[in-house]
Amino acid sequence: MDEQQIEKISDRIKEQLLAGESVHLDGIGTFSRVHEPQHFSRDEKGRTVAHPPKDTVHFSPEDLGEAE
């Protein structure tokens, strides 16, 4: 597989994820978009820090069973 083919596959996966769809690749696993809501934490000085909402990509490898 050459670099151009890999780029086309990558672009297609990105399009599907942006559309809210999961992408399953047989023998590899599934890519899905996960929304992380806004949350707050405290830094080492006790100040409140706001973390804005964001979308991330989660990968779940396909369970191929135990090796023999």
PDB file of N, CA and C in Angstrom:
ATOM      1  N   MET A   1       0.860  -1.164   0.000  1.00  0.00           N
ATOM      2  CA  MET A   1       0.000   0.000   0.000  1.00  0.00           C
ATOM      3  C   MET A   1       0.909   1.232   0.000  1.00  0.00           C
ATOM      4  N   ASP A   2       0.660   2.134  -0.929  1.00  0.00           N
ATOM      5  CA  ASP A   2       1.505   3.329  -0.995  1.00  0.00           C
ATOM      6  C   ASP A   2       0.939   4.462  -0.136  1.00  0.00           C
ATOM      7  N   GLU A   3       1.708   5.522   0.010  1.00  0.00           N
ATOM      8  CA  GLU A   3       1.341   6.644   0.876  1.00  0.00           C
ATOM      9  C   GLU A   3       0.033   7.307   0.447  1.00  0.00           C
ATOM     10  N   GLN A   4      -0.220   7.398  -0.846  1.00  0.00           N
ATOM     11  CA  GLN A   4      -1.440   8.027  -1.353  1.00  0.00           C
ATOM     12  C   GLN A   4      -2.675   7.205  -0.954  1.00  0.00           C
ATOM     13  N   GLN A   5      -2.585   5.890  -1.023  1.00  0.00           N
ATOM     14  CA  GLN A   5      -3.695   5.030  -0.615  1.00  0.00           C
ATOM     15  C   GLN A   5      -3.972   5.154   0.881  1.00  0.00           C
ATOM     16  N   ILE A   6      -2.909   5.200   1.672  1.00  0.00           N
ATOM     17  CA  ILE A   6      -3.060   5.346   3.118  1.00  0.00           C
ATOM     18  C   ILE A   6      -3.713   6.680   3.440  1.00  0.00           C
ATOM     19  N   GLU A   7      -3.340   7.739   2.744  1.00  0.00           N
ATOM     20  CA  GLU A   7      -3.935   9.056   2.956  1.00  0.00           C
ATOM     21  C   GLU A   7      -5.426   9.050   2.612  1.00  0.00           C
ATOM     22  N   LYS A   8      -5.807   8.369   1.524  1.00  0.00           N
ATOM     23  CA  LYS A   8      -7.221   8.283   1.144  1.00  0.00           C
ATOM     24  C   LYS A   8      -8.031   7.541   2.208  1.00  0.00           C
ATOM     25  N   ILE A   9      -7.478   6.458   2.736  1.00  0.00           N
ATOM     26  CA  ILE A   9      -8.162   5.699   3.787  1.00  0.00           C
ATOM     27  C   ILE A   9      -8.305   6.565   5.036  1.00  0.00           C
ATOM     28  N   SER A  10      -7.243   7.257   5.403  1.00  0.00           N
ATOM     29  CA  SER A  10      -7.266   8.142   6.571  1.00  0.00           C
ATOM     30  C   SER A  10      -8.312   9.240   6.412  1.00  0.00           C
ATOM     31  N   ASP A  11      -8.382   9.840   5.226  1.00  0.00           N
ATOM     32  CA  ASP A  11      -9.372  10.887   4.965  1.00  0.00           C
ATOM     33  C   ASP A  11     -10.791  10.343   5.085  1.00  0.00           C
ATOM     34  N   ARG A  12     -11.017   9.144   4.605  1.00  0.00           N
ATOM     35  CA  ARG A  12     -12.350   8.535   4.677  1.00  0.00           C
ATOM     36  C   ARG A  12     -12.752   8.257   6.129  1.00  0.00           C
ATOM     37  N   ILE A  13     -11.793   7.773   6.927  1.00  0.00           N
ATOM     38  CA  ILE A  13     -12.065   7.531   8.343  1.00  0.00           C
ATOM     39  C   ILE A  13     -12.415   8.847   9.026  1.00  0.00           C
ATOM     40  N   LYS A  14     -11.670   9.905   8.743  1.00  0.00           N
ATOM     41  CA  LYS A  14     -11.941  11.223   9.335  1.00  0.00           C
ATOM     42  C   LYS A  14     -13.340  11.709   8.961  1.00  0.00           C
ATOM     43  N   GLU A  15     -13.722  11.551   7.697  1.00  0.00           N
ATOM     44  CA  GLU A  15     -15.054  11.978   7.240  1.00  0.00           C
ATOM     45  C   GLU A  15     -16.149  11.256   8.023  1.00  0.00           C
ATOM     46  N   GLN A  16     -15.998   9.950   8.188  1.00  0.00           N
ATOM     47  CA  GLN A  16     -17.004   9.163   8.903  1.00  0.00           C
ATOM     48  C   GLN A  16     -17.092   9.575  10.371  1.00  0.00           C
ATOM     49  N   LEU A  17     -15.946   9.781  11.011  1.00  0.00           N
ATOM     50  CA  LEU A  17     -15.933  10.184  12.417  1.00  0.00           C
ATOM     51  C   LEU A  17     -16.561  11.558  12.597  1.00  0.00           C
ATOM     52  N   LEU A  18     -16.258  12.493  11.694  1.00  0.00           N
ATOM     53  CA  LEU A  18     -16.847  13.829  11.777  1.00  0.00           C
ATOM     54  C   LEU A  18     -18.359  13.791  11.572  1.00  0.00           C
ATOM     55  N   ALA A  19     -18.834  12.806  10.831  1.00  0.00           N
ATOM     56  CA  ALA A  19     -20.268  12.642  10.606  1.00  0.00           C
ATOM     57  C   ALA A  19     -20.941  11.917  11.784  1.00  0.00           C
ATOM     58  N   GLY A  20     -20.150  11.555  12.799  1.00  0.00           N
ATOM     59  CA  GLY A  20     -20.707  10.885  13.974  1.00  0.00           C
ATOM     60  C   GLY A  20     -20.797   9.379  13.843  1.00  0.00           C
ATOM     61  N   GLU A  21     -20.203   8.823  12.807  1.00  0.00           N
ATOM     62  CA  GLU A  21     -20.249   7.379  12.563  1.00  0.00           C
ATOM     63  C   GLU A  21     -18.993   6.700  13.097  1.00  0.00           C
ATOM     64  N   SER A  22     -19.137   5.473  13.561  1.00  0.00           N
ATOM     65  CA  SER A  22     -17.986   4.656  13.933  1.00  0.00           C
ATOM     66  C   SER A  22     -17.442   4.000  12.670  1.00  0.00           C
ATOM     67  N   VAL A  23     -16.169   3.645  12.701  1.00  0.00           N
ATOM     68  CA  VAL A  23     -15.541   2.990  11.553  1.00  0.00           C
ATOM     69  C   VAL A  23     -14.929   1.678  12.035  1.00  0.00           C
ATOM     70  N   HIS A  24     -15.434   0.564  11.484  1.00  0.00           N
ATOM     71  CA  HIS A  24     -14.913  -0.760  11.841  1.00  0.00           C
ATOM     72  C   HIS A  24     -14.063  -1.291  10.699  1.00  0.00           C
ATOM     73  N   LEU A  25     -12.844  -1.724  11.026  1.00  0.00           N
ATOM     74  CA  LEU A  25     -11.954  -2.335  10.044  1.00  0.00           C
ATOM     75  C   LEU A  25     -11.752  -3.794  10.455  1.00  0.00           C
ATOM     76  N   ASP A  26     -12.239  -4.717   9.624  1.00  0.00           N
ATOM     77  CA  ASP A  26     -12.136  -6.144   9.940  1.00  0.00           C
ATOM     78  C   ASP A  26     -10.687  -6.532  10.226  1.00  0.00           C
ATOM     79  N   GLY A  27     -10.510  -7.265  11.320  1.00  0.00           N
ATOM     80  CA  GLY A  27      -9.186  -7.747  11.688  1.00  0.00           C
ATOM     81  C   GLY A  27      -8.327  -6.703  12.380  1.00  0.00           C
ATOM     82  N   ILE A  28      -8.826  -5.468  12.505  1.00  0.00           N
ATOM     83  CA  ILE A  28      -8.039  -4.398  13.131  1.00  0.00           C
ATOM     84  C   ILE A  28      -8.756  -3.869  14.364  1.00  0.00           C
ATOM     85  N   GLY A  29      -9.936  -3.293  14.171  1.00  0.00           N
ATOM     86  CA  GLY A  29     -10.685  -2.752  15.294  1.00  0.00           C
ATOM     87  C   GLY A  29     -11.647  -1.668  14.850  1.00  0.00           C
ATOM     88  N   THR A  30     -12.144  -0.899  15.829  1.00  0.00           N
ATOM     89  CA  THR A  30     -13.150   0.127  15.561  1.00  0.00           C
ATOM     90  C   THR A  30     -12.689   1.481  16.080  1.00  0.00           C
ATOM     91  N   PHE A  31     -12.850   2.502  15.237  1.00  0.00           N
ATOM     92  CA  PHE A  31     -12.599   3.884  15.615  1.00  0.00           C
ATOM     93  C   PHE A  31     -13.958   4.521  15.883  1.00  0.00           C
ATOM     94  N   SER A  32     -14.070   5.272  16.973  1.00  0.00           N
ATOM     95  CA  SER A  32     -15.317   5.970  17.253  1.00  0.00           C
ATOM     96  C   SER A  32     -15.008   7.332  17.878  1.00  0.00           C
ATOM     97  N   ARG A  33     -15.947   8.249  17.718  1.00  0.00           N
ATOM     98  CA  ARG A  33     -15.799   9.590  18.279  1.00  0.00           C
ATOM     99  C   ARG A  33     -16.467   9.601  19.641  1.00  0.00           C
ATOM    100  N   VAL A  34     -15.764  10.154  20.629  1.00  0.00           N
ATOM    101  CA  VAL A  34     -16.276  10.237  21.994  1.00  0.00           C
ATOM    102  C   VAL A  34     -16.315  11.701  22.402  1.00  0.00           C
ATOM    103  N   HIS A  35     -17.470  12.145  22.908  1.00  0.00           N
ATOM    104  CA  HIS A  35     -17.609  13.527  23.372  1.00  0.00           C
ATOM    105  C   HIS A  35     -17.270  13.590  24.855  1.00  0.00           C
ATOM    106  N   GLU A  36     -16.349  14.467  25.202  1.00  0.00           N
ATOM    107  CA  GLU A  36     -16.000  14.697  26.599  1.00  0.00           C
ATOM    108  C   GLU A  36     -16.594  16.038  27.003  1.00  0.00           C
ATOM    109  N   PRO A  37     -17.522  16.058  27.962  1.00  0.00           N
ATOM    110  CA  PRO A  37     -18.162  17.313  28.370  1.00  0.00           C
ATOM    111  C   PRO A  37     -17.197  18.227  29.131  1.00  0.00           C
ATOM    112  N   GLN A  38     -17.590  19.475  29.244  1.00  0.00           N
ATOM    113  CA  GLN A  38     -16.796  20.427  30.011  1.00  0.00           C
ATOM    114  C   GLN A  38     -16.694  19.944  31.451  1.00  0.00           C
ATOM    115  N   HIS A  39     -15.520  20.137  32.040  1.00  0.00           N
ATOM    116  CA  HIS A  39     -15.362  19.802  33.456  1.00  0.00           C
ATOM    117  C   HIS A  39     -14.368  20.769  34.095  1.00  0.00           C
ATOM    118  N   PHE A  40     -14.319  20.738  35.397  1.00  0.00           N
ATOM    119  CA  PHE A  40     -13.457  21.636  36.156  1.00  0.00           C
ATOM    120  C   PHE A  40     -12.541  20.824  37.058  1.00  0.00           C
ATOM    121  N   SER A  41     -11.352  21.360  37.285  1.00  0.00           N
ATOM    122  CA  SER A  41     -10.414  20.736  38.211  1.00  0.00           C
ATOM    123  C   SER A  41      -9.688  21.849  38.961  1.00  0.00           C
ATOM    124  N   ARG A  42      -8.828  21.457  39.850  1.00  0.00           N
ATOM    125  CA  ARG A  42      -8.038  22.438  40.594  1.00  0.00           C
ATOM    126  C   ARG A  42      -6.559  22.201  40.288  1.00  0.00           C
ATOM    127  N   ASP A  43      -5.826  23.316  40.111  1.00  0.00           N
ATOM    128  CA  ASP A  43      -4.393  23.190  39.876  1.00  0.00           C
ATOM    129  C   ASP A  43      -3.659  23.062  41.207  1.00  0.00           C
ATOM    130  N   GLU A  44      -2.333  22.978  41.146  1.00  0.00           N
ATOM    131  CA  GLU A  44      -1.538  22.759  42.357  1.00  0.00           C
ATOM    132  C   GLU A  44      -1.650  23.910  43.369  1.00  0.00           C
ATOM    133  N   LYS A  45      -2.098  25.098  42.928  1.00  0.00           N
ATOM    134  CA  LYS A  45      -2.276  26.235  43.833  1.00  0.00           C
ATOM    135  C   LYS A  45      -3.717  26.360  44.324  1.00  0.00           C
ATOM    136  N   GLY A  46      -4.579  25.413  43.956  1.00  0.00           N
ATOM    137  CA  GLY A  46      -5.954  25.423  44.408  1.00  0.00           C
ATOM    138  C   GLY A  46      -6.899  26.244  43.553  1.00  0.00           C
ATOM    139  N   ARG A  47      -6.415  26.765  42.432  1.00  0.00           N
ATOM    140  CA  ARG A  47      -7.262  27.558  41.542  1.00  0.00           C
ATOM    141  C   ARG A  47      -8.114  26.638  40.671  1.00  0.00           C
ATOM    142  N   THR A  48      -9.330  27.092  40.391  1.00  0.00           N
ATOM    143  CA  THR A  48     -10.226  26.325  39.525  1.00  0.00           C
ATOM    144  C   THR A  48      -9.806  26.498  38.068  1.00  0.00           C
ATOM    145  N   VAL A  49      -9.718  25.384  37.370  1.00  0.00           N
ATOM    146  CA  VAL A  49      -9.341  25.378  35.959  1.00  0.00           C
ATOM    147  C   VAL A  49     -10.491  24.766  35.169  1.00  0.00           C
ATOM    148  N   ALA A  50     -10.965  25.491  34.156  1.00  0.00           N
ATOM    149  CA  ALA A  50     -12.044  24.981  33.302  1.00  0.00           C
ATOM    150  C   ALA A  50     -11.439  24.248  32.102  1.00  0.00           C
ATOM    151  N   HIS A  51     -11.958  23.073  31.828  1.00  0.00           N
ATOM    152  CA  HIS A  51     -11.546  22.292  30.659  1.00  0.00           C
ATOM    153  C   HIS A  51     -12.736  22.275  29.707  1.00  0.00           C
ATOM    154  N   PRO A  52     -12.605  22.879  28.525  1.00  0.00           N
ATOM    155  CA  PRO A  52     -13.739  22.960  27.612  1.00  0.00           C
ATOM    156  C   PRO A  52     -14.132  21.585  27.063  1.00  0.00           C
ATOM    157  N   PRO A  53     -15.367  21.473  26.583  1.00  0.00           N
ATOM    158  CA  PRO A  53     -15.776  20.198  25.983  1.00  0.00           C
ATOM    159  C   PRO A  53     -14.955  19.925  24.728  1.00  0.00           C
ATOM    160  N   LYS A  54     -14.777  18.651  24.436  1.00  0.00           N
ATOM    161  CA  LYS A  54     -14.029  18.293  23.229  1.00  0.00           C
ATOM    162  C   LYS A  54     -14.438  16.913  22.759  1.00  0.00           C
ATOM    163  N   ASP A  55     -14.181  16.658  21.495  1.00  0.00           N
ATOM    164  CA  ASP A  55     -14.396  15.337  20.914  1.00  0.00           C
ATOM    165  C   ASP A  55     -13.033  14.691  20.711  1.00  0.00           C
ATOM    166  N   THR A  56     -12.934  13.426  21.056  1.00  0.00           N
ATOM    167  CA  THR A  56     -11.700  12.682  20.857  1.00  0.00           C
ATOM    168  C   THR A  56     -12.018  11.405  20.087  1.00  0.00           C
ATOM    169  N   VAL A  57     -10.995  10.770  19.561  1.00  0.00           N
ATOM    170  CA  VAL A  57     -11.156   9.509  18.844  1.00  0.00           C
ATOM    171  C   VAL A  57     -10.722   8.380  19.759  1.00  0.00           C
ATOM    172  N   HIS A  58     -11.571   7.370  19.854  1.00  0.00           N
ATOM    173  CA  HIS A  58     -11.285   6.185  20.661  1.00  0.00           C
ATOM    174  C   HIS A  58     -11.104   5.003  19.712  1.00  0.00           C
ATOM    175  N   PHE A  59     -10.085   4.190  19.972  1.00  0.00           N
ATOM    176  CA  PHE A  59      -9.854   2.996  19.170  1.00  0.00           C
ATOM    177  C   PHE A  59     -10.005   1.769  20.044  1.00  0.00           C
ATOM    178  N   SER A  60     -10.822   0.827  19.594  1.00  0.00           N
ATOM    179  CA  SER A  60     -10.999  -0.454  20.281  1.00  0.00           C
ATOM    180  C   SER A  60     -10.466  -1.544  19.365  1.00  0.00           C
ATOM    181  N   PRO A  61      -9.359  -2.178  19.743  1.00  0.00           N
ATOM    182  CA  PRO A  61      -8.825  -3.242  18.882  1.00  0.00           C
ATOM    183  C   PRO A  61      -9.775  -4.421  18.824  1.00  0.00           C
ATOM    184  N   GLU A  62      -9.748  -5.111  17.712  1.00  0.00           N
ATOM    185  CA  GLU A  62     -10.603  -6.283  17.546  1.00  0.00           C
ATOM    186  C   GLU A  62     -10.024  -7.430  18.356  1.00  0.00           C
ATOM    187  N   ASP A  63     -10.900  -8.129  19.066  1.00  0.00           N
ATOM    188  CA  ASP A  63     -10.481  -9.272  19.869  1.00  0.00           C
ATOM    189  C   ASP A  63     -10.273 -10.443  18.933  1.00  0.00           C
ATOM    190  N   LEU A  64      -9.027 -10.830  18.752  1.00  0.00           N
ATOM    191  CA  LEU A  64      -8.717 -11.931  17.833  1.00  0.00           C
ATOM    192  C   LEU A  64      -8.595 -13.270  18.551  1.00  0.00           C
ATOM    193  N   GLY A  65      -8.916 -13.283  19.836  1.00  0.00           N
ATOM    194  CA  GLY A  65      -8.825 -14.532  20.601  1.00  0.00           C
ATOM    195  C   GLY A  65      -7.387 -14.787  21.027  1.00  0.00           C
ATOM    196  N   GLU A  66      -7.210 -15.860  21.722  1.00  0.00           N
ATOM    197  CA  GLU A  66      -5.889 -16.227  22.238  1.00  0.00           C
ATOM    198  C   GLU A  66      -5.053 -16.852  21.131  1.00  0.00           C
ATOM    199  N   ALA A  67      -3.770 -16.517  21.131  1.00  0.00           N
ATOM    200  CA  ALA A  67      -2.836 -17.138  20.178  1.00  0.00           C
ATOM    201  C   ALA A  67      -2.613 -18.587  20.587  1.00  0.00           C
ATOM    202  N   GLU A  68      -2.510 -19.440  19.617  1.00  0.00           N
ATOM    203  CA  GLU A  68      -2.327 -20.876  19.914  1.00  0.00           C
ATOM    204  C   GLU A  68      -0.873 -21.236  19.990  1.00  0.00           C
TER     205      GLU A  68
END
